[in-house]
Amino acid sequence: MLNLGIIGCGSVMQGPYMELVNKLLFKKIINLKSVSDINLKIDKIINKKFKYQYFYKNYKKILEDTEIDLVLVLTSMKEHAKISKEALKKGKHVLVEKPMATNMKDLKELIQIAKKSKKYLFAAPFVILSPVFQAIHQEIINKSIGKISLARARYGWAGPNWSEWYYQTGGGPLFDLGVYNITSLTGLLGPVKKVTAKSSISNYFRKIKGKKIKVNTDDNFQILLEFKNNCLAVVTTGFTMQQYNSPAIEIYGSEGTIQMLGDDWEPIGYEIWKNKRSSWELYKTPYANWPWASGFTHLVDCIINNTKPLIDIDHAYHVNEIMIKIYESSQKNREMLINSTFKPLKFYKKIKIKKSHLDHDRNHDDI
C-alpha cells in the first residue's frame, strides 16, 4: 500500500482527484496519510469527504515524512516547480499539475533533478491516456488520412471567478487550458520546431468572489506551431470564450480528415473522413467515465508494478518549453525556436472503438 500526501486542496483536488483518491482508498491500494493547504478552513471542508491522518498548513511536513511514497502537487501554478524539486530531493514520487514550471530556469532545474532521481516525475495533463486520443493516434500511425499537413485545436471558456491567481503573472489560460491542446497536437504530430504567437488582455478587470481585481497576465491567445515534419497547426485558447460547439482537434491529411469530438480533456469520440469512401464515419468512445485526472491512477499502477509511465518526461518538458516560448513570442513579436524534442509516443494496448451504430455497450472500468 502506497502512502500518499496531497499538497494543495483547492478546486482541482476537491473534484476529480478526490473521486479517484476515494476509489483507491476503498480498494486499499493507497493510504492518504497527509494533506496540506495554506487555507486552514479547508480542513473542515474536506475531512467530511475523505479520510486522512494529518492536515498541515506547511507542506514541508509532508516532504519530511519518510513514510510518504507519492506526493500530488496541486497548488497554484507558480509554486509547482519549487515544490516538485523539493519533493524529488526528499525521495518522493511526484505528480504535478500543469504547468511543471512557468519559466525556463525552473523547468530545466526540475528536469535535471528528475532525471537524476530514481523516482517518477509525472506531469499533467493526461490527455494522451484518453482512449479517444489513442484511437486517433492509431489512425494517424496507420496513415488512414494520408500525409498530414495542417491541424487546428481550441479550448477556452469565460474564465474562473473563484481565485485571483489565474489572472496574475504565472497564471493565465495558456498554462491552464492551452496546455491540453499543445499536448494533444504534439502527441499526435510529433515535436515542434518553431512557434509564433499573439496574445492580449481582453478584460483588464475581473470579479473574483464579488471583488474587482486587475488582470496582470494575457487572457487571449492565437498560436501558430510549426512542426519538425513541416505540418502547421493553430491553437486558440483564452478566458474569452462563452460557448462553442465545434471539434476540439482537427487533423487534415492528403487522404482525409480526423476530428476529435468534445474537448480533448473529455472527448466523446471522433469522426473520420476518407476520400476513398467520400463520407464521414462516427466513432463514439465505449469508455463512459474516463476522468481527466486518470494520470493519478496510472502513476499509482506504475509505481506498484515498477513499470514505465506512458507519459514521457521529455514530452512534458517539450510542451512546457513551447508554452514559455509562446509568451516570449508574443511579448517580443517574433518567431521563437524550440530546442527540446521527444521520441514518438508508443501505446502497447490497441484501443477498440466501434462505429457508432454498432456501439451500445459502455465500459465503466478505470482506464
Protein backbone atom coordinates (compact mmCIF):
# COMPACT_ATOMS: atom_id res chain seq x y z
CA MET A 1 0.00 0.00 0.00
CA LEU A 2 1.34 3.41 -1.01
CA ASN A 3 1.34 6.32 1.44
CA LEU A 4 0.04 9.46 -0.27
CA GLY A 5 0.47 13.14 0.54
CA ILE A 6 -1.50 15.92 -1.17
CA ILE A 7 -0.20 19.49 -1.35
CA GLY A 8 -2.90 21.96 -2.38
CA CYS A 9 -6.56 21.22 -1.58
CA GLY A 10 -8.47 23.67 -3.77
CA SER A 11 -10.99 23.07 -6.56
CA VAL A 12 -8.74 20.73 -8.57
CA MET A 13 -8.18 18.38 -5.64
CA GLN A 14 -11.81 18.51 -4.48
CA GLY A 15 -13.04 17.48 -7.94
CA PRO A 16 -11.75 14.52 -9.99
CA TYR A 17 -8.69 13.85 -7.81
CA MET A 18 -10.79 13.40 -4.68
CA GLU A 19 -13.02 10.93 -6.53
CA LEU A 20 -10.06 8.83 -7.68
CA VAL A 21 -8.33 9.01 -4.30
CA ASN A 22 -11.50 7.72 -2.63
CA LYS A 23 -11.70 4.81 -5.09
CA LEU A 24 -8.12 3.76 -4.34
CA LEU A 25 -8.68 4.22 -0.60
CA PHE A 26 -11.70 1.94 -0.79
CA LYS A 27 -9.67 -0.68 -2.70
CA LYS A 28 -6.88 -0.33 -0.08
CA ILE A 29 -4.32 0.45 -2.78
CA ILE A 30 -3.26 3.72 -1.12
CA ASN A 31 -3.30 5.28 2.33
CA LEU A 32 -3.88 9.05 2.37
CA LYS A 33 -1.59 9.99 5.24
CA SER A 34 -1.35 13.78 4.99
CA VAL A 35 -2.78 16.79 3.19
CA SER A 36 -1.64 20.40 3.16
CA ASP A 37 -3.10 23.78 2.26
CA ILE A 38 -2.35 27.38 3.25
CA ASN A 39 -6.07 27.84 3.98
CA LEU A 40 -6.74 26.13 7.33
CA LYS A 41 -10.52 26.35 6.79
CA ILE A 42 -10.26 23.72 4.03
CA ASP A 43 -9.56 21.07 6.68
CA LYS A 44 -13.17 21.33 7.92
CA ILE A 45 -14.49 21.03 4.35
CA ILE A 46 -12.50 18.04 3.12
CA ASN A 47 -12.35 15.93 6.30
CA LYS A 48 -16.04 15.16 5.75
CA LYS A 49 -15.34 13.90 2.22
CA PHE A 50 -12.38 11.56 2.70
CA LYS A 51 -10.11 10.19 5.40
CA TYR A 52 -6.59 11.33 6.15
CA GLN A 53 -4.42 11.36 9.25
CA TYR A 54 -2.85 14.82 9.25
CA PHE A 55 -3.60 18.30 7.91
CA TYR A 56 -0.70 20.77 7.66
CA LYS A 57 -0.50 24.41 6.69
CA ASN A 58 3.21 23.92 5.96
CA TYR A 59 3.65 21.44 3.09
CA LYS A 60 7.26 20.75 4.10
CA LYS A 61 5.98 18.48 6.89
CA ILE A 62 4.66 16.13 4.20
CA LEU A 63 8.01 16.13 2.40
CA GLU A 64 9.89 15.42 5.64
CA ASP A 65 7.74 12.35 6.37
CA THR A 66 9.84 9.36 5.31
CA GLU A 67 6.73 7.16 5.10
CA ILE A 68 5.19 9.20 2.26
CA ASP A 69 5.80 7.49 -1.12
CA LEU A 70 3.90 9.75 -3.52
CA VAL A 71 3.07 13.46 -3.45
CA LEU A 72 0.41 15.23 -5.50
CA VAL A 73 1.33 18.88 -6.19
CA LEU A 74 -2.00 20.64 -6.81
CA THR A 75 -1.19 24.21 -5.74
CA SER A 76 -1.33 27.39 -7.81
CA MET A 77 0.84 27.25 -10.93
CA LYS A 78 3.85 29.34 -9.93
CA GLU A 79 4.56 27.05 -6.94
CA HIS A 80 4.67 23.79 -8.92
CA ALA A 81 8.36 23.74 -9.83
CA LYS A 82 9.64 24.68 -6.37
CA ILE A 83 7.58 22.08 -4.51
CA SER A 84 8.25 19.35 -7.10
CA LYS A 85 12.01 19.91 -6.87
CA GLU A 86 11.90 19.68 -3.07
CA ALA A 87 9.75 16.53 -3.18
CA LEU A 88 12.08 14.72 -5.59
CA LYS A 89 15.08 15.63 -3.44
CA LYS A 90 13.25 14.08 -0.46
CA GLY A 91 12.85 10.81 -2.39
CA LYS A 92 9.16 11.09 -3.27
CA HIS A 93 7.38 10.16 -6.47
CA VAL A 94 5.71 13.34 -7.75
CA LEU A 95 2.57 14.03 -9.74
CA VAL A 96 2.47 17.72 -10.60
CA GLU A 97 -0.44 19.55 -12.18
CA LYS A 98 0.22 21.72 -15.22
CA PRO A 99 2.46 23.51 -15.81
CA MET A 100 5.58 22.00 -14.27
CA ALA A 101 7.20 25.44 -14.40
CA THR A 102 6.41 28.95 -15.61
CA ASN A 103 9.97 29.87 -16.70
CA MET A 104 12.86 28.05 -18.40
CA LYS A 105 15.24 28.28 -15.44
CA ASP A 106 12.90 26.42 -13.11
CA LEU A 107 11.90 23.99 -15.85
CA LYS A 108 15.50 23.00 -16.63
CA GLU A 109 16.38 22.62 -12.94
CA LEU A 110 13.33 20.45 -12.30
CA ILE A 111 14.04 18.11 -15.23
CA GLN A 112 17.70 17.77 -14.24
CA ILE A 113 16.70 16.73 -10.73
CA ALA A 114 14.04 14.34 -12.08
CA LYS A 115 16.45 12.60 -14.46
CA LYS A 116 18.96 12.03 -11.65
CA SER A 117 16.25 10.77 -9.30
CA LYS A 118 15.13 7.16 -9.02
CA LYS A 119 11.57 8.41 -8.50
CA TYR A 120 8.95 9.35 -11.09
CA LEU A 121 8.13 12.93 -12.02
CA PHE A 122 4.73 12.68 -13.67
CA ALA A 123 3.33 15.83 -15.27
CA ALA A 124 -0.22 16.75 -16.21
CA PRO A 125 -2.16 16.97 -18.45
CA PHE A 126 -3.00 13.32 -19.14
CA VAL A 127 -4.85 13.65 -22.45
CA ILE A 128 -2.71 11.00 -24.17
CA LEU A 129 -4.18 8.40 -21.79
CA SER A 130 -7.65 9.02 -23.20
CA PRO A 131 -8.99 6.06 -25.25
CA VAL A 132 -10.20 8.50 -27.93
CA PHE A 133 -6.76 10.11 -28.20
CA GLN A 134 -5.14 6.69 -28.54
CA ALA A 135 -7.66 5.64 -31.20
CA ILE A 136 -6.89 8.79 -33.23
CA HIS A 137 -3.17 8.14 -32.71
CA GLN A 138 -3.69 4.66 -34.21
CA GLU A 139 -5.44 6.17 -37.23
CA ILE A 140 -2.51 8.51 -37.83
CA ILE A 141 0.10 5.76 -37.39
CA ASN A 142 -1.88 3.65 -39.90
CA LYS A 143 -1.90 6.64 -42.30
CA SER A 144 -5.70 6.49 -42.51
CA ILE A 145 -5.84 10.07 -43.80
CA GLY A 146 -2.50 10.11 -45.63
CA LYS A 147 0.18 12.74 -45.11
CA ILE A 148 -0.82 15.35 -42.53
CA SER A 149 -0.15 18.98 -43.38
CA LEU A 150 -2.48 21.05 -41.21
CA ALA A 151 -4.20 20.94 -37.80
CA ARG A 152 -6.31 23.10 -35.54
CA ALA A 153 -7.13 22.96 -31.81
CA ARG A 154 -9.09 25.06 -29.34
CA TYR A 155 -10.00 25.09 -25.68
CA GLY A 156 -11.30 28.01 -23.67
CA TRP A 157 -14.11 29.40 -21.56
CA ALA A 158 -15.21 32.62 -19.85
CA GLY A 159 -12.65 32.18 -17.06
CA PRO A 160 -12.61 31.25 -13.35
CA ASN A 161 -14.24 33.50 -10.76
CA TRP A 162 -13.03 31.73 -7.61
CA SER A 163 -9.31 32.53 -7.42
CA GLU A 164 -7.28 35.64 -8.20
CA TRP A 165 -4.01 33.90 -9.16
CA TYR A 166 -5.45 32.78 -12.53
CA TYR A 167 -5.15 36.42 -13.66
CA GLN A 168 -1.73 37.18 -12.19
CA THR A 169 1.79 36.55 -13.55
CA GLY A 170 2.36 32.81 -13.80
CA GLY A 171 -1.35 32.13 -14.36
CA GLY A 172 -3.48 32.63 -17.44
CA PRO A 173 -5.32 30.41 -19.95
CA LEU A 174 -2.25 29.16 -21.80
CA PHE A 175 -0.85 27.30 -18.78
CA ASP A 176 -4.35 26.39 -17.59
CA LEU A 177 -6.14 25.46 -20.84
CA GLY A 178 -3.94 25.70 -23.95
CA VAL A 179 -1.57 23.13 -22.47
CA TYR A 180 -4.15 20.42 -23.25
CA ASN A 181 -4.22 21.27 -26.96
CA ILE A 182 -0.45 21.55 -27.22
CA THR A 183 -0.01 18.18 -25.51
CA SER A 184 -2.58 16.59 -27.84
CA LEU A 185 -1.14 18.04 -31.04
CA THR A 186 2.47 17.18 -30.21
CA GLY A 187 1.39 13.71 -29.12
CA LEU A 188 -0.27 13.16 -32.49
CA LEU A 189 2.09 15.05 -34.80
CA GLY A 190 5.48 14.98 -33.04
CA PRO A 191 7.88 17.72 -31.92
CA VAL A 192 7.52 21.42 -32.72
CA LYS A 193 10.46 23.40 -34.11
CA LYS A 194 9.08 26.98 -34.10
CA VAL A 195 6.26 28.98 -32.50
CA THR A 196 4.68 32.32 -33.31
CA ALA A 197 2.00 33.82 -31.09
CA LYS A 198 -0.22 36.82 -30.47
CA SER A 199 -1.81 37.43 -27.09
CA SER A 200 -3.68 40.18 -25.30
CA ILE A 201 -5.64 41.16 -22.22
CA SER A 202 -9.27 41.22 -23.30
CA ASN A 203 -10.68 42.34 -19.98
CA TYR A 204 -8.47 44.44 -17.68
CA PHE A 205 -10.67 43.83 -14.66
CA ARG A 206 -12.39 40.68 -13.40
CA LYS A 207 -14.68 39.88 -10.48
CA ILE A 208 -13.37 37.21 -8.10
CA LYS A 209 -15.76 36.23 -5.30
CA GLY A 210 -17.52 39.57 -5.77
CA LYS A 211 -14.26 41.56 -5.57
CA LYS A 212 -12.97 43.59 -8.53
CA ILE A 213 -9.34 42.73 -9.39
CA LYS A 214 -6.88 43.96 -12.00
CA VAL A 215 -5.78 41.41 -14.62
CA ASN A 216 -1.99 41.25 -14.94
CA THR A 217 -1.50 38.45 -17.46
CA ASP A 218 -2.78 37.85 -21.00
CA ASP A 219 -6.11 36.03 -21.22
CA ASN A 220 -6.45 35.68 -25.01
CA PHE A 221 -4.15 33.68 -27.38
CA GLN A 222 -3.74 32.76 -31.04
CA ILE A 223 -0.78 30.44 -31.60
CA LEU A 224 0.94 29.04 -34.70
CA LEU A 225 3.00 25.87 -34.29
CA GLU A 226 5.45 24.69 -36.96
CA PHE A 227 6.31 21.02 -36.53
CA LYS A 228 9.55 19.28 -37.45
CA ASN A 229 7.62 17.31 -40.08
CA ASN A 230 6.61 20.70 -41.61
CA CYS A 231 2.98 20.39 -40.53
CA LEU A 232 1.38 23.65 -39.37
CA ALA A 233 -1.16 23.93 -36.54
CA VAL A 234 -3.14 26.73 -34.91
CA VAL A 235 -4.15 26.73 -31.24
CA THR A 236 -6.84 29.10 -29.97
CA THR A 237 -7.23 29.48 -26.20
CA GLY A 238 -8.43 32.08 -23.74
CA PHE A 239 -10.64 33.07 -20.86
CA THR A 240 -12.62 34.74 -23.65
CA MET A 241 -14.97 32.05 -24.99
CA GLN A 242 -18.53 31.94 -23.67
CA GLN A 243 -19.51 28.75 -25.50
CA TYR A 244 -18.61 26.75 -28.61
CA ASN A 245 -19.89 23.75 -30.49
CA SER A 246 -17.06 22.51 -32.67
CA PRO A 247 -14.42 19.74 -32.61
CA ALA A 248 -11.58 20.11 -30.13
CA ILE A 249 -8.95 18.90 -32.59
CA GLU A 250 -8.99 18.82 -36.40
CA ILE A 251 -6.28 16.96 -38.35
CA TYR A 252 -6.11 17.46 -42.13
CA GLY A 253 -4.33 14.88 -44.32
CA SER A 254 -3.86 14.27 -48.03
CA GLU A 255 -6.49 11.50 -48.00
CA GLY A 256 -8.95 12.70 -45.38
CA THR A 257 -9.73 14.44 -42.08
CA ILE A 258 -10.00 13.39 -38.42
CA GLN A 259 -11.98 15.41 -35.88
CA MET A 260 -11.94 14.84 -32.11
CA LEU A 261 -15.38 15.49 -30.65
CA GLY A 262 -15.82 17.22 -27.31
CA ASP A 263 -12.82 18.71 -25.51
CA ASP A 264 -9.51 16.84 -25.58
CA TRP A 265 -9.62 16.52 -21.76
CA GLU A 266 -13.08 14.94 -22.05
CA PRO A 267 -13.50 13.57 -25.59
CA ILE A 268 -16.72 11.83 -26.55
CA GLY A 269 -15.45 10.24 -29.75
CA TYR A 270 -14.11 11.12 -33.17
CA GLU A 271 -15.20 11.23 -36.78
CA ILE A 272 -13.10 10.49 -39.83
CA TRP A 273 -13.47 11.41 -43.49
CA LYS A 274 -11.69 9.29 -46.08
CA ASN A 275 -11.63 10.36 -49.71
CA LYS A 276 -11.97 6.75 -50.87
CA ARG A 277 -15.36 6.48 -49.16
CA SER A 278 -16.36 10.11 -49.70
CA SER A 279 -18.24 10.11 -46.39
CA TRP A 280 -17.90 10.70 -42.64
CA GLU A 281 -17.78 7.82 -40.15
CA LEU A 282 -18.50 8.40 -36.47
CA TYR A 283 -16.80 6.53 -33.61
CA LYS A 284 -18.04 7.11 -30.06
CA THR A 285 -15.93 6.13 -27.07
CA PRO A 286 -17.11 2.99 -25.27
CA TYR A 287 -15.36 4.23 -22.11
CA ALA A 288 -18.14 6.17 -20.43
CA ASN A 289 -16.34 7.69 -17.47
CA TRP A 290 -12.73 8.34 -18.46
CA PRO A 291 -11.58 11.04 -15.98
CA TRP A 292 -9.12 13.77 -16.94
CA ALA A 293 -7.23 13.10 -13.68
CA SER A 294 -6.64 9.45 -14.68
CA GLY A 295 -2.90 10.05 -14.69
CA PHE A 296 -3.08 9.61 -10.92
CA THR A 297 -4.33 6.01 -11.09
CA HIS A 298 -1.92 5.30 -13.96
CA LEU A 299 1.04 6.54 -11.91
CA VAL A 300 -0.02 4.53 -8.84
CA ASP A 301 -0.20 1.43 -11.03
CA CYS A 302 3.27 2.14 -12.47
CA ILE A 303 4.81 2.61 -9.01
CA ILE A 304 3.26 -0.60 -7.64
CA ASN A 305 4.23 -2.68 -10.68
CA ASN A 306 7.54 -0.92 -11.33
CA THR A 307 6.59 -0.14 -14.94
CA LYS A 308 7.39 2.91 -17.06
CA PRO A 309 4.60 5.51 -17.32
CA LEU A 310 3.10 6.19 -20.75
CA ILE A 311 3.61 9.92 -20.24
CA ASP A 312 7.25 10.66 -21.01
CA ILE A 313 9.10 13.39 -19.14
CA ASP A 314 10.76 14.61 -22.37
CA HIS A 315 7.34 15.13 -23.96
CA ALA A 316 6.14 17.05 -20.90
CA TYR A 317 9.31 19.20 -20.98
CA HIS A 318 8.78 19.90 -24.70
CA VAL A 319 5.20 21.05 -24.12
CA ASN A 320 6.27 23.25 -21.21
CA GLU A 321 9.06 24.86 -23.27
CA ILE A 322 6.57 25.57 -26.07
CA MET A 323 4.26 27.40 -23.66
CA ILE A 324 7.04 29.51 -22.19
CA LYS A 325 8.26 30.40 -25.71
CA ILE A 326 4.69 31.32 -26.73
CA TYR A 327 4.68 34.05 -24.08
CA GLU A 328 8.10 35.19 -25.26
CA SER A 329 7.00 35.22 -28.91
CA SER A 330 4.01 37.39 -28.13
CA GLN A 331 6.00 39.80 -25.98
CA LYS A 332 8.87 40.15 -28.50
CA ASN A 333 6.62 39.98 -31.56
CA ARG A 334 8.81 37.37 -33.29
CA GLU A 335 9.16 33.69 -34.05
CA MET A 336 10.81 31.54 -31.38
CA LEU A 337 12.83 28.35 -31.82
CA ILE A 338 12.05 25.28 -29.70
CA ASN A 339 15.20 23.50 -28.54
CA SER A 340 13.81 20.32 -26.99
CA THR A 341 12.42 17.21 -28.61
CA PHE A 342 10.98 13.80 -27.65
CA LYS A 343 10.55 10.32 -29.08
CA PRO A 344 7.27 9.33 -30.79
CA LEU A 345 4.58 8.06 -28.43
CA LYS A 346 4.06 4.31 -28.22
CA PHE A 347 0.97 2.58 -26.87
CA TYR A 348 1.09 -1.14 -26.20
CA LYS A 349 -2.65 -1.71 -25.97
CA LYS A 350 -4.85 -1.35 -29.04
CA ILE A 351 -7.99 0.65 -28.33
CA LYS A 352 -11.16 -0.96 -29.65
CA ILE A 353 -13.72 1.61 -30.70
CA LYS A 354 -16.77 0.54 -32.71
CA LYS A 355 -18.63 2.54 -35.30
CA SER A 356 -21.36 4.50 -33.56
CA HIS A 357 -24.27 2.48 -34.94
CA LEU A 358 -22.67 -0.73 -33.59
CA ASP A 359 -21.81 0.73 -30.20
CA HIS A 360 -24.30 0.03 -27.39
CA ASP A 361 -22.06 -1.19 -24.55
CA ARG A 362 -20.25 1.00 -22.05
CA ASN A 363 -17.06 0.06 -20.22
CA HIS A 364 -17.04 1.73 -16.80
CA ASP A 365 -13.65 0.37 -15.71
CA ASP A 366 -10.88 2.81 -14.89
CA ILE A 367 -8.54 3.33 -17.84
